[in-house]
Amino acid sequence: MGGRQMKRLWRLKSISTIGLLVSVTLLLTGCPKRADLGGMDGTSPTAQSEEKVKPAQPIQEPPAPGAPSAQQPTTAGKESPLRDIFFDFDKSTISGDAMTSLHENLQWFNANPTAQITIEGHCDERGTAEYNLALGERRAKAAGDYLVAAGIGAKRIKIVSFGKERPFAPGHDESAWKWNRRAHFVVNE
């Protein structure tokens, strides 16, 4: 091959390579990012926002050795009169056990008509911080919605999400994660 043909071939390869790089770059950056990716289980954000409070499979396991009691969470060094509720992985639906705890919390509310609470939504360490903040909020809201539907004034309930930022139980396995997927009730002073 002559020098002229080599230059032409080199130029053609360069143009092809640049074209390929530009195409790949446009393909990767041209797709819009979704604001809400939905659930980790593949459900759409719309399906999750329409999710109703419904019983799920109850989780009944004894407390882990050394783990704080799930039946009597503490607030500011005192035992709380309210019970936490726990959730299945990546869920914000209220289980049968959670319904029992919520009913007991409702009885306490009725006996204390001026009391106000904060419901904290928590998650285990799996998933992004952003996703877990949204999931924690859905969990706290599900618990709050149950109480409001039962007649407790919405002004008496504050909702906050801590996502995975404040774990209840240390550890990096299911025995710790099950305690961290919760709605925690704090009596406001």
Protein backbone atom coordinates (compact mmCIF):
# COMPACT_ATOMS: atom_id res chain seq x y z
CA MET A 1 0.00 0.00 0.00
CA GLY A 2 1.05 3.48 -0.75
CA GLY A 3 1.41 6.33 1.71
CA ARG A 4 -1.72 8.01 0.44
CA GLN A 5 -3.84 4.91 1.01
CA MET A 6 -2.37 4.46 4.51
CA LYS A 7 -3.32 8.03 5.42
CA ARG A 8 -6.83 7.52 4.08
CA LEU A 9 -7.19 4.25 6.02
CA TRP A 10 -5.84 5.89 9.19
CA ARG A 11 -8.26 8.81 8.78
CA LEU A 12 -11.19 6.43 8.25
CA LYS A 13 -10.28 4.46 11.41
CA SER A 14 -9.97 7.68 13.42
CA ILE A 15 -13.33 8.98 12.22
CA SER A 16 -14.97 5.62 12.95
CA THR A 17 -13.49 5.51 16.45
CA ILE A 18 -14.55 9.09 17.22
CA GLY A 19 -18.03 8.40 15.85
CA LEU A 20 -18.34 5.30 18.01
CA LEU A 21 -17.21 7.18 21.14
CA VAL A 22 -19.63 10.04 20.47
CA SER A 23 -22.49 7.58 19.90
CA VAL A 24 -21.79 5.70 23.13
CA THR A 25 -21.46 8.96 25.07
CA LEU A 26 -24.77 10.25 23.69
CA LEU A 27 -26.46 6.96 24.42
CA LEU A 28 -25.28 6.91 28.03
CA THR A 29 -25.92 10.58 28.80
CA GLY A 30 -28.96 11.04 26.60
CA CYS A 31 -31.24 8.76 28.60
CA PRO A 32 -33.13 10.75 31.25
CA LYS A 33 -32.60 9.68 34.83
CA ARG A 34 -35.68 8.71 36.78
CA ALA A 35 -36.44 10.77 39.86
CA ASP A 36 -37.93 7.77 41.63
CA LEU A 37 -36.72 4.32 40.70
CA GLY A 38 -39.52 2.63 42.58
CA GLY A 39 -39.02 -0.29 44.87
CA MET A 40 -36.04 -2.55 45.01
CA ASP A 41 -38.47 -5.33 44.14
CA GLY A 42 -39.16 -3.82 40.70
CA THR A 43 -42.52 -2.26 41.46
CA SER A 44 -43.30 1.07 39.91
CA PRO A 45 -43.40 4.25 42.02
CA THR A 46 -47.10 4.61 41.19
CA ALA A 47 -47.85 1.13 42.45
CA GLN A 48 -46.01 1.86 45.67
CA SER A 49 -47.74 5.19 46.26
CA GLU A 50 -51.10 3.46 45.88
CA GLU A 51 -50.04 0.75 48.32
CA LYS A 52 -52.70 0.29 51.00
CA VAL A 53 -52.20 -0.83 54.56
CA LYS A 54 -52.77 -4.56 54.41
CA PRO A 55 -51.65 -7.49 56.50
CA ALA A 56 -48.48 -9.28 55.47
CA GLN A 57 -46.86 -12.39 56.87
CA PRO A 58 -46.09 -11.74 60.55
CA ILE A 59 -42.53 -12.01 61.76
CA GLN A 60 -42.29 -13.67 65.15
CA GLU A 61 -38.77 -14.23 66.32
CA PRO A 62 -37.26 -14.01 69.78
CA PRO A 63 -35.04 -11.01 70.55
CA ALA A 64 -31.41 -11.41 69.62
CA PRO A 65 -29.09 -11.84 72.58
CA GLY A 66 -27.93 -8.41 73.71
CA ALA A 67 -30.41 -6.58 71.48
CA PRO A 68 -32.71 -4.03 73.12
CA SER A 69 -36.23 -5.26 73.78
CA ALA A 70 -38.56 -4.67 70.83
CA GLN A 71 -41.53 -4.62 73.17
CA GLN A 72 -40.40 -1.62 75.22
CA PRO A 73 -38.32 0.86 73.21
CA THR A 74 -36.81 3.75 75.08
CA THR A 75 -37.12 7.50 74.68
CA ALA A 76 -34.53 9.81 76.20
CA GLY A 77 -33.47 7.20 78.76
CA LYS A 78 -37.05 6.31 79.76
CA GLU A 79 -39.13 3.34 78.74
CA SER A 80 -41.69 4.25 76.12
CA PRO A 81 -45.31 3.26 76.68
CA LEU A 82 -45.59 2.64 72.93
CA ARG A 83 -44.46 -0.39 70.94
CA ASP A 84 -42.38 -0.30 67.79
CA ILE A 85 -43.66 -2.10 64.72
CA PHE A 86 -41.46 -4.08 62.37
CA PHE A 87 -41.55 -4.57 58.60
CA ASP A 88 -40.50 -7.17 56.06
CA PHE A 89 -37.58 -6.36 53.74
CA ASP A 90 -38.36 -3.51 51.32
CA LYS A 91 -41.97 -3.29 52.53
CA SER A 92 -44.08 -0.63 54.19
CA THR A 93 -47.21 -2.73 54.65
CA ILE A 94 -48.48 -3.36 58.16
CA SER A 95 -48.21 -7.04 59.23
CA GLY A 96 -50.50 -8.88 61.64
CA ASP A 97 -48.04 -8.49 64.53
CA ALA A 98 -47.70 -4.80 63.72
CA MET A 99 -51.50 -4.42 63.80
CA THR A 100 -51.51 -5.85 67.32
CA SER A 101 -48.84 -3.37 68.43
CA LEU A 102 -50.62 -0.48 66.70
CA HIS A 103 -53.87 -1.41 68.44
CA GLU A 104 -52.08 -1.31 71.81
CA ASN A 105 -50.57 2.06 70.87
CA LEU A 106 -54.06 3.26 69.92
CA GLN A 107 -55.37 2.31 73.38
CA TRP A 108 -52.55 4.33 74.95
CA PHE A 109 -53.44 7.29 72.71
CA ASN A 110 -57.08 7.12 73.77
CA ALA A 111 -56.02 7.08 77.44
CA ASN A 112 -53.72 10.09 76.84
CA PRO A 113 -55.82 12.51 74.75
CA THR A 114 -53.31 15.38 74.83
CA ALA A 115 -50.21 13.33 74.05
CA GLN A 116 -48.29 13.93 70.83
CA ILE A 117 -45.82 11.56 69.22
CA THR A 118 -43.21 11.37 66.52
CA ILE A 119 -43.16 8.23 64.40
CA GLU A 120 -39.65 7.54 63.10
CA GLY A 121 -39.30 5.38 60.00
CA HIS A 122 -36.15 3.24 59.89
CA CYS A 123 -34.59 0.77 57.44
CA ASP A 124 -31.79 -1.75 57.40
CA GLU A 125 -28.46 -0.91 55.76
CA ARG A 126 -29.26 -2.35 52.34
CA GLY A 127 -30.12 0.08 49.55
CA THR A 128 -29.09 3.67 48.94
CA ALA A 129 -29.48 6.38 51.55
CA GLU A 130 -32.00 8.18 49.33
CA TYR A 131 -34.11 5.06 48.76
CA ASN A 132 -34.09 4.16 52.47
CA LEU A 133 -35.15 7.68 53.48
CA ALA A 134 -38.18 7.34 51.20
CA LEU A 135 -38.93 3.81 52.46
CA GLY A 136 -38.58 4.93 56.09
CA GLU A 137 -41.04 7.74 55.41
CA ARG A 138 -43.54 5.30 53.87
CA ARG A 139 -43.21 3.06 56.94
CA ALA A 140 -43.76 5.91 59.39
CA LYS A 141 -46.66 7.22 57.29
CA ALA A 142 -48.29 3.77 57.17
CA ALA A 143 -48.23 3.61 60.98
CA GLY A 144 -49.49 7.18 61.27
CA ASP A 145 -52.25 6.59 58.71
CA TYR A 146 -53.48 3.61 60.73
CA LEU A 147 -53.74 5.73 63.89
CA VAL A 148 -55.44 8.62 62.07
CA ALA A 149 -57.93 6.22 60.44
CA ALA A 150 -58.70 4.90 63.94
CA GLY A 151 -59.62 8.41 65.11
CA ILE A 152 -56.39 9.94 66.41
CA GLY A 153 -55.99 13.56 65.29
CA ALA A 154 -53.34 13.99 62.60
CA LYS A 155 -52.00 17.06 64.45
CA ARG A 156 -50.92 14.78 67.29
CA ILE A 157 -48.62 12.77 65.02
CA LYS A 158 -45.35 13.90 63.44
CA ILE A 159 -43.66 11.75 60.79
CA VAL A 160 -39.88 11.62 60.24
CA SER A 161 -37.58 9.23 58.39
CA PHE A 162 -34.04 8.33 59.35
CA GLY A 163 -33.62 5.70 56.63
CA LYS A 164 -30.63 3.55 57.47
CA GLU A 165 -28.83 6.25 59.45
CA ARG A 166 -29.84 5.19 62.99
CA PRO A 167 -29.75 1.39 63.26
CA PHE A 168 -31.41 -0.20 66.28
CA ALA A 169 -29.24 -3.32 66.23
CA PRO A 170 -25.62 -3.50 65.08
CA GLY A 171 -24.63 -6.11 62.56
CA HIS A 172 -24.60 -6.83 58.87
CA ASP A 173 -26.94 -9.81 58.57
CA GLU A 174 -30.64 -10.65 58.78
CA SER A 175 -30.53 -11.07 62.56
CA ALA A 176 -29.67 -7.35 62.87
CA TRP A 177 -31.58 -6.09 59.83
CA LYS A 178 -34.95 -7.40 61.08
CA TRP A 179 -34.69 -5.07 64.10
CA ASN A 180 -33.73 -2.08 61.97
CA ARG A 181 -36.78 -2.27 59.66
CA ARG A 182 -39.18 -0.48 61.98
CA ALA A 183 -41.43 2.41 62.85
CA HIS A 184 -40.33 3.75 66.23
CA PHE A 185 -42.74 5.74 68.40
CA VAL A 186 -41.40 8.62 70.50
CA VAL A 187 -43.63 10.48 72.96
CA ASN A 188 -43.00 14.22 72.56
CA GLU A 189 -42.42 16.02 75.85
